[in-house]
Amino acid sequence: SVPVALHYLSKEQFGLWALMMTLVGYLNLVDMGMSGSIARLLIDFKDDRDGGHYGSLIKTGWLVLLTQGLIVFTTGLIFANAFAQLMAIPANLRPEFVHLMILQCGIVALGYAVRIFGHLLTAHQRMDLANYAGTVAPPVNFAALWIFFFFGFGVFSLVWATLCSTLVNAAIQWIACAMWGFF
């Protein structure tokens, strides 16, 4: 996707995207190992669904993931302009950077909200299903990226393509969890 992005974007726009992705990557550190912990705890309780602990853990884990996503989104929303100033982004590119940052933080927050599906697949040793979803997502991202660039969405093409692949990945995992009765 980088060659396609470099073909359609100016150096400044590509730099905005790269900087924004780096900052959002740091915001992802809010996970602090919780994802692995949720999946591991689900493994312990998946076989005893009548005791109520399994369902309770799914709900609690999902609430923790939602909270982490909310932290990422809120941080991006509140500090996007400050990040632009701190990184000395030229004034004419700041609005675009702020908009990119907020959108990408929203997509990351959505990603946190749907992670529980992958954790359920992991707990039930169905990594094959998670891998199928992970295999479909990159081609969806690439096709969406190309389509959005073609229709002139510019640097925002990268964000919208990420949203498309996130939604496809989540949908496949959700369908797999529903079909196998992991809820």
C-alpha atoms as a PDB file:
ATOM      1  CA  SER A   1       0.000   0.000   0.000  1.00  0.00           C
ATOM      2  CA  VAL A   2       2.935   2.361   0.530  1.00  0.00           C
ATOM      3  CA  PRO A   3       3.810   2.557  -3.200  1.00  0.00           C
ATOM      4  CA  VAL A   4       0.159   3.256  -4.010  1.00  0.00           C
ATOM      5  CA  ALA A   5       0.037   5.951  -1.319  1.00  0.00           C
ATOM      6  CA  LEU A   6       3.254   7.509  -2.584  1.00  0.00           C
ATOM      7  CA  HIS A   7       1.813   7.549  -6.091  1.00  0.00           C
ATOM      8  CA  TYR A   8      -1.351   9.414  -5.080  1.00  0.00           C
ATOM      9  CA  LEU A   9      -0.090  11.615  -2.231  1.00  0.00           C
ATOM     10  CA  SER A  10       2.314  14.480  -1.995  1.00  0.00           C
ATOM     11  CA  LYS A  11       5.331  14.050   0.280  1.00  0.00           C
ATOM     12  CA  GLU A  12       3.697  16.334   2.837  1.00  0.00           C
ATOM     13  CA  GLN A  13       0.471  14.314   2.919  1.00  0.00           C
ATOM     14  CA  PHE A  14       2.360  11.047   3.177  1.00  0.00           C
ATOM     15  CA  GLY A  15       4.394  12.546   6.017  1.00  0.00           C
ATOM     16  CA  LEU A  16       1.185  13.589   7.808  1.00  0.00           C
ATOM     17  CA  TRP A  17      -0.145  10.061   7.539  1.00  0.00           C
ATOM     18  CA  ALA A  18       3.129   8.499   8.742  1.00  0.00           C
ATOM     19  CA  LEU A  19       3.344  10.879  11.717  1.00  0.00           C
ATOM     20  CA  MET A  20      -0.294  10.346  12.633  1.00  0.00           C
ATOM     21  CA  MET A  21       0.112   6.550  12.510  1.00  0.00           C
ATOM     22  CA  THR A  22       3.173   6.765  14.753  1.00  0.00           C
ATOM     23  CA  LEU A  23       1.330   8.847  17.342  1.00  0.00           C
ATOM     24  CA  VAL A  24      -1.702   6.550  17.249  1.00  0.00           C
ATOM     25  CA  GLY A  25       0.666   3.610  17.634  1.00  0.00           C
ATOM     26  CA  TYR A  26       1.880   5.098  20.887  1.00  0.00           C
ATOM     27  CA  LEU A  27      -1.706   5.609  22.026  1.00  0.00           C
ATOM     28  CA  ASN A  28      -2.236   1.889  21.471  1.00  0.00           C
ATOM     29  CA  LEU A  29       0.066   1.269  24.417  1.00  0.00           C
ATOM     30  CA  VAL A  30      -3.024   1.859  26.570  1.00  0.00           C
ATOM     31  CA  ASP A  31      -3.681  -1.883  26.096  1.00  0.00           C
ATOM     32  CA  MET A  32      -0.961  -2.676  28.686  1.00  0.00           C
ATOM     33  CA  GLY A  33      -1.337  -6.421  28.129  1.00  0.00           C
ATOM     34  CA  MET A  34      -5.054  -6.514  28.845  1.00  0.00           C
ATOM     35  CA  SER A  35      -5.877  -8.222  25.540  1.00  0.00           C
ATOM     36  CA  GLY A  36      -3.687 -11.192  26.345  1.00  0.00           C
ATOM     37  CA  SER A  37      -5.080 -11.329  29.863  1.00  0.00           C
ATOM     38  CA  ILE A  38      -8.695 -11.348  28.693  1.00  0.00           C
ATOM     39  CA  ALA A  39      -8.042 -14.172  26.251  1.00  0.00           C
ATOM     40  CA  ARG A  40      -6.142 -16.146  28.888  1.00  0.00           C
ATOM     41  CA  LEU A  41      -8.878 -15.763  31.485  1.00  0.00           C
ATOM     42  CA  LEU A  42     -11.535 -16.783  28.967  1.00  0.00           C
ATOM     43  CA  ILE A  43      -9.594 -20.001  28.441  1.00  0.00           C
ATOM     44  CA  ASP A  44      -9.954 -20.794  32.140  1.00  0.00           C
ATOM     45  CA  PHE A  45     -13.745 -20.375  32.166  1.00  0.00           C
ATOM     46  CA  LYS A  46     -14.879 -21.394  28.663  1.00  0.00           C
ATOM     47  CA  ASP A  47     -15.787 -24.943  29.656  1.00  0.00           C
ATOM     48  CA  ASP A  48     -17.985 -23.957  32.608  1.00  0.00           C
ATOM     49  CA  ARG A  49     -20.689 -21.809  31.026  1.00  0.00           C
ATOM     50  CA  ASP A  50     -23.349 -22.614  33.623  1.00  0.00           C
ATOM     51  CA  GLY A  51     -21.503 -20.978  36.521  1.00  0.00           C
ATOM     52  CA  GLY A  52     -21.904 -17.475  35.134  1.00  0.00           C
ATOM     53  CA  HIS A  53     -18.183 -16.693  35.237  1.00  0.00           C
ATOM     54  CA  TYR A  54     -17.702 -17.126  31.489  1.00  0.00           C
ATOM     55  CA  GLY A  55     -20.447 -14.665  30.530  1.00  0.00           C
ATOM     56  CA  SER A  56     -19.382 -12.275  33.253  1.00  0.00           C
ATOM     57  CA  LEU A  57     -15.812 -12.361  31.988  1.00  0.00           C
ATOM     58  CA  ILE A  58     -16.938 -11.665  28.422  1.00  0.00           C
ATOM     59  CA  LYS A  59     -18.915  -8.635  29.603  1.00  0.00           C
ATOM     60  CA  THR A  60     -16.139  -7.356  31.876  1.00  0.00           C
ATOM     61  CA  GLY A  61     -13.462  -7.916  29.239  1.00  0.00           C
ATOM     62  CA  TRP A  62     -15.544  -6.114  26.650  1.00  0.00           C
ATOM     63  CA  LEU A  63     -16.102  -3.182  29.023  1.00  0.00           C
ATOM     64  CA  VAL A  64     -12.353  -2.971  29.655  1.00  0.00           C
ATOM     65  CA  LEU A  65     -11.719  -2.964  25.899  1.00  0.00           C
ATOM     66  CA  LEU A  66     -14.398  -0.295  25.381  1.00  0.00           C
ATOM     67  CA  THR A  67     -12.798   1.818  28.094  1.00  0.00           C
ATOM     68  CA  GLN A  68      -9.386   1.497  26.474  1.00  0.00           C
ATOM     69  CA  GLY A  69     -10.867   2.461  23.112  1.00  0.00           C
ATOM     70  CA  LEU A  70     -12.585   5.429  24.699  1.00  0.00           C
ATOM     71  CA  ILE A  71      -9.260   6.526  26.217  1.00  0.00           C
ATOM     72  CA  VAL A  72      -7.566   6.363  22.811  1.00  0.00           C
ATOM     73  CA  PHE A  73     -10.385   8.242  21.079  1.00  0.00           C
ATOM     74  CA  THR A  74     -10.683  10.893  23.791  1.00  0.00           C
ATOM     75  CA  THR A  75      -6.936  11.433  23.858  1.00  0.00           C
ATOM     76  CA  GLY A  76      -6.888  11.853  20.084  1.00  0.00           C
ATOM     77  CA  LEU A  77      -9.875  14.168  20.161  1.00  0.00           C
ATOM     78  CA  ILE A  78      -8.511  16.364  22.934  1.00  0.00           C
ATOM     79  CA  PHE A  79      -4.831  16.419  21.994  1.00  0.00           C
ATOM     80  CA  ALA A  80      -4.830  16.232  18.177  1.00  0.00           C
ATOM     81  CA  ASN A  81      -4.339  19.975  17.841  1.00  0.00           C
ATOM     82  CA  ALA A  82      -1.657  19.981  20.552  1.00  0.00           C
ATOM     83  CA  PHE A  83       0.143  17.132  18.766  1.00  0.00           C
ATOM     84  CA  ALA A  84       0.062  19.164  15.537  1.00  0.00           C
ATOM     85  CA  GLN A  85       1.624  22.143  17.278  1.00  0.00           C
ATOM     86  CA  LEU A  86       4.141  20.033  19.183  1.00  0.00           C
ATOM     87  CA  MET A  87       5.260  18.317  15.962  1.00  0.00           C
ATOM     88  CA  ALA A  88       5.572  21.706  14.231  1.00  0.00           C
ATOM     89  CA  ILE A  89       3.214  20.792  11.424  1.00  0.00           C
ATOM     90  CA  PRO A  90       2.833  23.744   9.038  1.00  0.00           C
ATOM     91  CA  ALA A  91      -0.322  25.762   9.656  1.00  0.00           C
ATOM     92  CA  ASN A  92      -1.818  24.931   6.257  1.00  0.00           C
ATOM     93  CA  LEU A  93      -1.604  21.166   7.022  1.00  0.00           C
ATOM     94  CA  ARG A  94      -2.785  21.265  10.649  1.00  0.00           C
ATOM     95  CA  PRO A  95      -6.536  20.967  10.004  1.00  0.00           C
ATOM     96  CA  GLU A  96      -5.956  17.945   7.800  1.00  0.00           C
ATOM     97  CA  PHE A  97      -3.679  16.362  10.418  1.00  0.00           C
ATOM     98  CA  VAL A  98      -6.169  16.993  13.237  1.00  0.00           C
ATOM     99  CA  HIS A  99      -8.992  15.480  11.198  1.00  0.00           C
ATOM    100  CA  LEU A 100      -6.833  12.454  10.297  1.00  0.00           C
ATOM    101  CA  MET A 101      -5.822  11.973  13.919  1.00  0.00           C
ATOM    102  CA  ILE A 102      -9.389  12.064  15.212  1.00  0.00           C
ATOM    103  CA  LEU A 103     -10.647   9.669  12.531  1.00  0.00           C
ATOM    104  CA  GLN A 104      -7.814   7.211  13.056  1.00  0.00           C
ATOM    105  CA  CYS A 105      -8.267   7.291  16.838  1.00  0.00           C
ATOM    106  CA  GLY A 106     -11.958   6.546  16.262  1.00  0.00           C
ATOM    107  CA  ILE A 107     -11.068   3.536  14.115  1.00  0.00           C
ATOM    108  CA  VAL A 108      -8.610   2.314  16.745  1.00  0.00           C
ATOM    109  CA  ALA A 109     -11.346   2.718  19.373  1.00  0.00           C
ATOM    110  CA  LEU A 110     -13.650   0.637  17.185  1.00  0.00           C
ATOM    111  CA  GLY A 111     -10.885  -1.949  16.941  1.00  0.00           C
ATOM    112  CA  TYR A 112     -10.754  -2.167  20.726  1.00  0.00           C
ATOM    113  CA  ALA A 113     -14.519  -2.597  20.869  1.00  0.00           C
ATOM    114  CA  VAL A 114     -14.458  -5.608  18.540  1.00  0.00           C
ATOM    115  CA  ARG A 115     -11.344  -7.324  19.913  1.00  0.00           C
ATOM    116  CA  ILE A 116     -13.470  -9.487  22.172  1.00  0.00           C
ATOM    117  CA  PHE A 117     -14.417 -11.615  19.159  1.00  0.00           C
ATOM    118  CA  GLY A 118     -10.785 -12.517  18.543  1.00  0.00           C
ATOM    119  CA  HIS A 119     -10.321 -13.277  22.231  1.00  0.00           C
ATOM    120  CA  LEU A 120     -13.277 -15.651  22.150  1.00  0.00           C
ATOM    121  CA  LEU A 121     -11.834 -17.431  19.125  1.00  0.00           C
ATOM    122  CA  THR A 122      -8.480 -17.706  20.872  1.00  0.00           C
ATOM    123  CA  ALA A 123     -10.031 -19.063  24.053  1.00  0.00           C
ATOM    124  CA  HIS A 124     -11.793 -21.776  22.089  1.00  0.00           C
ATOM    125  CA  GLN A 125      -8.648 -22.632  20.130  1.00  0.00           C
ATOM    126  CA  ARG A 126     -10.103 -21.456  16.847  1.00  0.00           C
ATOM    127  CA  MET A 127      -7.159 -19.403  15.685  1.00  0.00           C
ATOM    128  CA  ASP A 128      -7.854 -20.739  12.205  1.00  0.00           C
ATOM    129  CA  LEU A 129     -11.026 -18.641  12.072  1.00  0.00           C
ATOM    130  CA  ALA A 130      -9.191 -15.566  13.357  1.00  0.00           C
ATOM    131  CA  ASN A 131      -6.500 -16.190  10.747  1.00  0.00           C
ATOM    132  CA  TYR A 132      -9.093 -16.413   7.979  1.00  0.00           C
ATOM    133  CA  ALA A 133     -10.390 -13.006   9.017  1.00  0.00           C
ATOM    134  CA  GLY A 134      -6.829 -11.704   9.173  1.00  0.00           C
ATOM    135  CA  THR A 135      -6.160 -13.067   5.700  1.00  0.00           C
ATOM    136  CA  VAL A 136      -9.186 -11.377   4.146  1.00  0.00           C
ATOM    137  CA  ALA A 137      -8.604  -7.978   5.780  1.00  0.00           C
ATOM    138  CA  PRO A 138      -5.377  -6.905   3.924  1.00  0.00           C
ATOM    139  CA  PRO A 139      -6.769  -7.443   0.408  1.00  0.00           C
ATOM    140  CA  VAL A 140      -9.929  -5.573   1.458  1.00  0.00           C
ATOM    141  CA  ASN A 141      -7.734  -2.764   2.777  1.00  0.00           C
ATOM    142  CA  PHE A 142      -5.716  -2.634  -0.437  1.00  0.00           C
ATOM    143  CA  ALA A 143      -8.762  -2.673  -2.714  1.00  0.00           C
ATOM    144  CA  ALA A 144     -10.515  -0.018  -0.630  1.00  0.00           C
ATOM    145  CA  LEU A 145      -7.345   2.074  -0.582  1.00  0.00           C
ATOM    146  CA  TRP A 146      -7.088   1.986  -4.324  1.00  0.00           C
ATOM    147  CA  ILE A 147     -10.787   2.809  -4.784  1.00  0.00           C
ATOM    148  CA  PHE A 148     -10.672   5.727  -2.351  1.00  0.00           C
ATOM    149  CA  PHE A 149      -7.516   7.103  -3.966  1.00  0.00           C
ATOM    150  CA  PHE A 150      -9.071   6.719  -7.407  1.00  0.00           C
ATOM    151  CA  PHE A 151     -12.125   8.722  -6.361  1.00  0.00           C
ATOM    152  CA  GLY A 152      -9.978  11.521  -4.933  1.00  0.00           C
ATOM    153  CA  PHE A 153     -10.196  11.069  -1.170  1.00  0.00           C
ATOM    154  CA  GLY A 154      -6.475  11.857  -0.880  1.00  0.00           C
ATOM    155  CA  VAL A 155      -4.770  11.119   2.422  1.00  0.00           C
ATOM    156  CA  PHE A 156      -8.113  10.212   3.988  1.00  0.00           C
ATOM    157  CA  SER A 157      -8.158   7.170   1.691  1.00  0.00           C
ATOM    158  CA  LEU A 158      -5.745   5.518   4.109  1.00  0.00           C
ATOM    159  CA  VAL A 159      -8.119   6.044   7.029  1.00  0.00           C
ATOM    160  CA  TRP A 160     -11.244   4.896   5.182  1.00  0.00           C
ATOM    161  CA  ALA A 161      -9.460   1.803   3.859  1.00  0.00           C
ATOM    162  CA  THR A 162      -8.402   0.949   7.409  1.00  0.00           C
ATOM    163  CA  LEU A 163     -12.018   1.305   8.525  1.00  0.00           C
ATOM    164  CA  CYS A 164     -13.164  -1.072   5.766  1.00  0.00           C
ATOM    165  CA  SER A 165     -10.640  -3.757   6.706  1.00  0.00           C
ATOM    166  CA  THR A 166     -11.411  -3.349  10.427  1.00  0.00           C
ATOM    167  CA  LEU A 167     -15.126  -3.821   9.787  1.00  0.00           C
ATOM    168  CA  VAL A 168     -14.589  -6.847   7.544  1.00  0.00           C
ATOM    169  CA  ASN A 169     -12.241  -8.474  10.070  1.00  0.00           C
ATOM    170  CA  ALA A 170     -14.689  -7.836  12.931  1.00  0.00           C
ATOM    171  CA  ALA A 171     -17.653  -9.109  10.913  1.00  0.00           C
ATOM    172  CA  ILE A 172     -15.926 -12.375  10.037  1.00  0.00           C
ATOM    173  CA  GLN A 173     -14.866 -12.941  13.646  1.00  0.00           C
ATOM    174  CA  TRP A 174     -18.330 -12.072  14.967  1.00  0.00           C
ATOM    175  CA  ILE A 175     -19.994 -14.444  12.504  1.00  0.00           C
ATOM    176  CA  ALA A 176     -17.557 -17.212  13.477  1.00  0.00           C
ATOM    177  CA  CYS A 177     -18.253 -16.659  17.193  1.00  0.00           C
ATOM    178  CA  ALA A 178     -21.998 -16.702  16.573  1.00  0.00           C
ATOM    179  CA  MET A 179     -21.881 -19.811  14.389  1.00  0.00           C
ATOM    180  CA  TRP A 180     -19.804 -21.766  16.901  1.00  0.00           C
ATOM    181  CA  GLY A 181     -21.839 -20.555  19.890  1.00  0.00           C
ATOM    182  CA  PHE A 182     -18.996 -18.852  21.750  1.00  0.00           C
ATOM    183  CA  PHE A 183     -21.177 -16.114  23.262  1.00  0.00           C
END
